[in-house]
Amino acid sequence: MKHVTPVIFVTLVLAGCSSATTPLRQNAQITQFAGGESNTDRTSFYWLTEKLNNPESSTDDVKFADNTWYQSHYTWDGNYLREITRVGERRNNSGDKVPFQMTLRFSQAGEAVYQRMQINGRVMPMKNGQIGEVRSQAGEVVSKSRSQRNEGLSLIQGHWKDGVFTTCNGDEYRNIQFKQPLPKLLVDRIKEEENFAAFIGELGGKKIVVDQMLLLKHGGYACIERPMFNG
């Protein structure tokens, strides 16, 4: 999300009032952040909770182009990753979607002291390469969240209706700027139809600057919540 060429802004002026909120909520020494990214392969949403500038927990919600998905919860002890819980659907060798769930626990030295992978109801062993890949993904959620936060970006989501963009927090905006130009057909759709949108952007006074569009759905699509895991 770093731009090395001059940024072209496309502005949408929407009817309605404006108000701004900070995307980073602070409670004593605990901070929470929501971000995400999208490419041709997948769309990812992630959440990070930190205490005293160290990760306490993180979560992701990843949807792939082939209609598979997973959600993960990562538990941290300072900068040490202690547990990963993941559920989702993946493709088997026949191309069918099957459910899976995974639990990994690590020692302070980083050794996987417990592992359990269940695919379509069958317990399967995990290879070291698989464990390493999932650990790497856990670290990326933290590093990418921090990077976006440092750039002043965060996850913004809400609904366009009757020319007004209303965030999921209930704030209304009429001045929306896009760093990447959108096709006119899409701009007209945003202005004239009811849509749900989720994007990475920046709140500033009475305007929103969109860095990357993650999701655009027609109609009253529900706001995306941080996945909850039991235990």
Protein backbone atom coordinates (compact mmCIF):
# COMPACT_ATOMS: atom_id res chain seq x y z
CA MET A 1 0.00 0.00 0.00
CA LYS A 2 2.96 2.27 -0.58
CA HIS A 3 2.61 4.61 -3.53
CA VAL A 4 5.68 5.66 -5.42
CA THR A 5 3.88 7.52 -8.20
CA PRO A 6 1.76 10.66 -7.87
CA VAL A 7 -1.62 9.78 -6.41
CA ILE A 8 -4.71 10.55 -8.46
CA PHE A 9 -7.74 11.36 -6.34
CA VAL A 10 -11.27 10.74 -7.53
CA THR A 11 -13.86 12.46 -5.37
CA LEU A 12 -17.41 11.34 -4.76
CA VAL A 13 -19.59 14.08 -3.32
CA LEU A 14 -22.54 12.59 -1.52
CA ALA A 15 -25.54 14.29 0.00
CA GLY A 16 -25.63 14.16 3.81
CA CYS A 17 -23.86 15.32 6.94
CA SER A 18 -20.40 14.29 8.12
CA SER A 19 -18.70 13.32 11.33
CA ALA A 20 -15.37 11.64 12.04
CA THR A 21 -14.29 8.96 14.45
CA THR A 22 -10.86 7.55 15.21
CA PRO A 23 -10.40 4.00 13.83
CA LEU A 24 -8.05 3.07 16.68
CA ARG A 25 -9.87 2.58 19.98
CA GLN A 26 -7.80 2.97 23.12
CA ASN A 27 -8.66 1.67 26.57
CA ALA A 28 -5.89 2.32 29.10
CA GLN A 29 -2.93 0.51 27.53
CA ILE A 30 -4.95 -1.75 25.23
CA THR A 31 -5.33 -0.83 21.55
CA GLN A 32 -7.43 -2.46 18.85
CA PHE A 33 -7.04 -2.21 15.09
CA ALA A 34 -8.86 -3.58 12.05
CA GLY A 35 -7.39 -3.75 8.55
CA GLY A 36 -7.28 -5.90 5.44
CA GLU A 37 -6.12 -6.34 1.88
CA SER A 38 -7.32 -7.79 -1.41
CA ASN A 39 -5.78 -9.27 -4.55
CA THR A 40 -6.88 -11.54 -7.38
CA ASP A 41 -6.48 -14.62 -5.17
CA ARG A 42 -8.07 -13.61 -1.89
CA THR A 43 -9.67 -10.93 0.26
CA SER A 44 -8.46 -10.73 3.85
CA PHE A 45 -9.76 -8.92 6.90
CA TYR A 46 -7.69 -8.85 10.08
CA TRP A 47 -7.92 -7.58 13.62
CA LEU A 48 -5.20 -6.95 16.20
CA THR A 49 -5.42 -6.36 19.94
CA GLU A 50 -2.25 -5.10 21.63
CA LYS A 51 -1.37 -4.47 25.25
CA LEU A 52 1.66 -2.35 26.11
CA ASN A 53 2.58 -2.41 22.39
CA ASN A 54 2.77 -6.22 22.35
CA PRO A 55 0.25 -8.43 20.54
CA GLU A 56 -2.30 -10.00 22.85
CA SER A 57 -4.58 -11.58 20.23
CA SER A 58 -5.16 -11.35 16.49
CA THR A 59 -7.79 -12.68 14.12
CA ASP A 60 -8.22 -13.03 10.38
CA ASP A 61 -11.08 -13.77 7.99
CA VAL A 62 -9.83 -14.86 4.57
CA LYS A 63 -11.98 -15.63 1.53
CA PHE A 64 -10.47 -17.09 -1.65
CA ALA A 65 -11.46 -16.72 -5.29
CA ASP A 66 -12.41 -20.43 -5.47
CA ASN A 67 -15.09 -19.86 -2.78
CA THR A 68 -13.07 -21.46 0.03
CA TRP A 69 -12.29 -19.62 3.25
CA TYR A 70 -10.82 -19.73 6.73
CA GLN A 71 -10.99 -17.80 9.98
CA SER A 72 -8.18 -17.87 12.53
CA HIS A 73 -7.58 -16.74 16.08
CA TYR A 74 -4.00 -16.24 17.28
CA THR A 75 -3.07 -15.98 20.96
CA TRP A 76 0.14 -14.20 21.93
CA ASP A 77 2.22 -13.87 25.09
CA GLY A 78 4.21 -10.73 24.53
CA ASN A 79 5.87 -11.32 21.18
CA TYR A 80 5.60 -15.10 21.52
CA LEU A 81 2.92 -16.91 19.52
CA ARG A 82 1.29 -19.44 21.85
CA GLU A 83 -1.81 -20.83 20.09
CA ILE A 84 -3.53 -20.90 16.70
CA THR A 85 -7.13 -21.95 16.14
CA ARG A 86 -8.46 -22.08 12.58
CA VAL A 87 -11.70 -23.23 10.96
CA GLY A 88 -12.78 -23.09 7.33
CA GLU A 89 -13.47 -24.93 4.09
CA ARG A 90 -10.91 -26.18 1.60
CA ARG A 91 -10.84 -28.25 -1.58
CA ASN A 92 -10.06 -31.96 -1.44
CA ASN A 93 -8.33 -33.91 -4.20
CA SER A 94 -11.64 -34.25 -6.06
CA GLY A 95 -12.23 -30.50 -5.99
CA ASP A 96 -15.10 -30.68 -3.51
CA LYS A 97 -15.33 -28.28 -0.58
CA VAL A 98 -14.82 -29.94 2.80
CA PRO A 99 -14.69 -28.46 6.31
CA PHE A 100 -11.50 -28.39 8.34
CA GLN A 101 -10.36 -27.23 11.73
CA MET A 102 -6.91 -26.86 13.20
CA THR A 103 -5.32 -26.20 16.59
CA LEU A 104 -1.63 -25.53 17.20
CA ARG A 105 0.09 -24.71 20.50
CA PHE A 106 3.66 -23.52 20.87
CA SER A 107 6.25 -23.39 23.63
CA GLN A 108 7.99 -20.12 24.42
CA ALA A 109 10.89 -21.46 22.36
CA GLY A 110 8.57 -21.66 19.33
CA GLU A 111 8.27 -25.44 19.24
CA ALA A 112 4.88 -26.87 18.23
CA VAL A 113 4.04 -28.87 21.36
CA TYR A 114 0.47 -29.73 20.28
CA GLN A 115 -1.13 -30.10 16.87
CA ARG A 116 -4.48 -31.28 15.63
CA MET A 117 -5.78 -31.05 12.06
CA GLN A 118 -9.21 -32.43 11.23
CA ILE A 119 -10.35 -32.47 7.58
CA ASN A 120 -13.90 -33.53 6.80
CA GLY A 121 -14.09 -35.26 10.17
CA ARG A 122 -10.81 -37.14 9.77
CA VAL A 123 -7.75 -36.36 11.90
CA MET A 124 -4.67 -35.80 9.74
CA PRO A 125 -1.02 -35.17 10.67
CA MET A 126 0.53 -31.81 9.87
CA LYS A 127 3.92 -31.52 8.22
CA ASN A 128 6.55 -29.10 9.49
CA GLY A 129 6.14 -27.03 6.34
CA GLN A 130 2.43 -26.62 6.98
CA ILE A 131 3.04 -25.56 10.56
CA GLY A 132 5.66 -23.08 9.45
CA GLU A 133 3.31 -21.58 6.86
CA VAL A 134 0.54 -21.04 9.40
CA ARG A 135 2.99 -19.48 11.86
CA SER A 136 4.15 -17.14 9.13
CA GLN A 137 0.56 -16.12 8.43
CA ALA A 138 0.09 -15.32 12.11
CA GLY A 139 3.07 -13.00 12.03
CA GLU A 140 1.83 -11.31 8.85
CA VAL A 141 -1.47 -10.37 10.49
CA VAL A 142 0.48 -8.47 13.16
CA SER A 143 3.03 -6.86 10.84
CA LYS A 144 0.48 -5.81 8.21
CA SER A 145 -1.85 -4.41 10.87
CA ARG A 146 0.93 -2.33 12.34
CA SER A 147 2.05 -1.14 8.92
CA GLN A 148 -1.43 0.06 7.96
CA ARG A 149 -1.92 1.70 11.34
CA ASN A 150 1.38 3.56 11.00
CA GLU A 151 0.23 4.85 7.60
CA GLY A 152 -3.00 6.15 9.14
CA LEU A 153 -5.10 3.49 7.40
CA SER A 154 -7.76 1.18 8.79
CA LEU A 155 -10.78 -0.90 7.82
CA ILE A 156 -13.80 1.30 7.04
CA GLN A 157 -17.15 -0.22 6.19
CA GLY A 158 -20.71 0.93 5.81
CA HIS A 159 -23.62 1.50 3.44
CA TRP A 160 -24.33 3.90 0.60
CA LYS A 161 -28.01 4.80 0.43
CA ASP A 162 -29.79 7.84 -1.02
CA GLY A 163 -26.42 9.44 -1.71
CA VAL A 164 -25.11 9.12 1.86
CA PHE A 165 -22.33 6.82 3.06
CA THR A 166 -23.09 5.71 6.64
CA THR A 167 -20.35 3.82 8.45
CA CYS A 168 -21.12 0.82 10.61
CA ASN A 169 -20.57 3.15 13.59
CA GLY A 170 -23.41 5.35 12.36
CA ASP A 171 -21.32 8.30 11.08
CA GLU A 172 -22.33 9.89 7.77
CA TYR A 173 -19.99 11.16 5.03
CA ARG A 174 -20.61 12.95 1.75
CA ASN A 175 -17.02 13.51 0.60
CA ILE A 176 -15.28 10.30 -0.50
CA GLN A 177 -11.95 10.33 -2.33
CA PHE A 178 -10.44 7.34 -4.17
CA LYS A 179 -6.67 7.06 -4.62
CA GLN A 180 -7.26 4.68 -7.53
CA PRO A 181 -9.73 5.87 -10.20
CA LEU A 182 -12.89 3.77 -10.44
CA PRO A 183 -14.77 2.94 -13.65
CA LYS A 184 -17.62 5.37 -14.31
CA LEU A 185 -20.14 2.51 -14.21
CA LEU A 186 -19.00 1.64 -10.70
CA VAL A 187 -19.07 5.27 -9.58
CA ASP A 188 -22.64 5.62 -10.86
CA ARG A 189 -23.61 2.43 -9.08
CA ILE A 190 -22.19 3.70 -5.79
CA LYS A 191 -23.96 7.04 -6.09
CA GLU A 192 -27.34 5.79 -7.27
CA GLU A 193 -27.90 2.37 -5.69
CA GLU A 194 -27.85 0.99 -2.16
CA ASN A 195 -24.53 -0.78 -1.58
CA PHE A 196 -22.40 -2.13 1.22
CA ALA A 197 -18.71 -1.33 0.98
CA ALA A 198 -15.63 -2.35 2.96
CA PHE A 199 -12.29 -0.74 2.19
CA ILE A 200 -8.95 0.27 3.59
CA GLY A 201 -8.84 4.02 3.96
CA GLU A 202 -8.26 7.07 6.06
CA LEU A 203 -10.74 9.16 8.01
CA GLY A 204 -9.94 12.85 7.95
CA GLY A 205 -12.33 15.51 9.17
CA LYS A 206 -15.32 15.52 6.85
CA LYS A 207 -13.94 13.15 4.25
CA ILE A 208 -12.82 9.58 3.70
CA VAL A 209 -9.86 8.68 1.47
CA VAL A 210 -10.15 5.15 0.07
CA ASP A 211 -6.82 3.38 -0.38
CA GLN A 212 -8.10 -0.03 -1.50
CA MET A 213 -11.61 -1.37 -2.06
CA LEU A 214 -12.04 -4.79 -0.45
CA LEU A 215 -15.71 -5.56 -0.90
CA LEU A 216 -18.70 -4.01 -2.66
CA LYS A 217 -22.08 -5.71 -2.36
CA HIS A 218 -25.49 -4.61 -3.56
CA GLY A 219 -28.22 -4.13 -0.97
CA GLY A 220 -28.31 -4.35 2.81
CA TYR A 221 -25.22 -6.52 3.37
CA ALA A 222 -24.35 -6.96 7.07
CA CYS A 223 -21.28 -5.25 8.52
CA ILE A 224 -18.30 -7.56 8.93
CA GLU A 225 -17.56 -8.46 12.54
CA ARG A 226 -14.41 -9.85 14.09
CA PRO A 227 -14.83 -13.64 14.23
CA MET A 228 -15.38 -15.01 17.72
CA PHE A 229 -13.77 -18.23 18.93
CA ASN A 230 -14.76 -20.19 22.02
CA GLY A 231 -12.24 -21.38 24.51
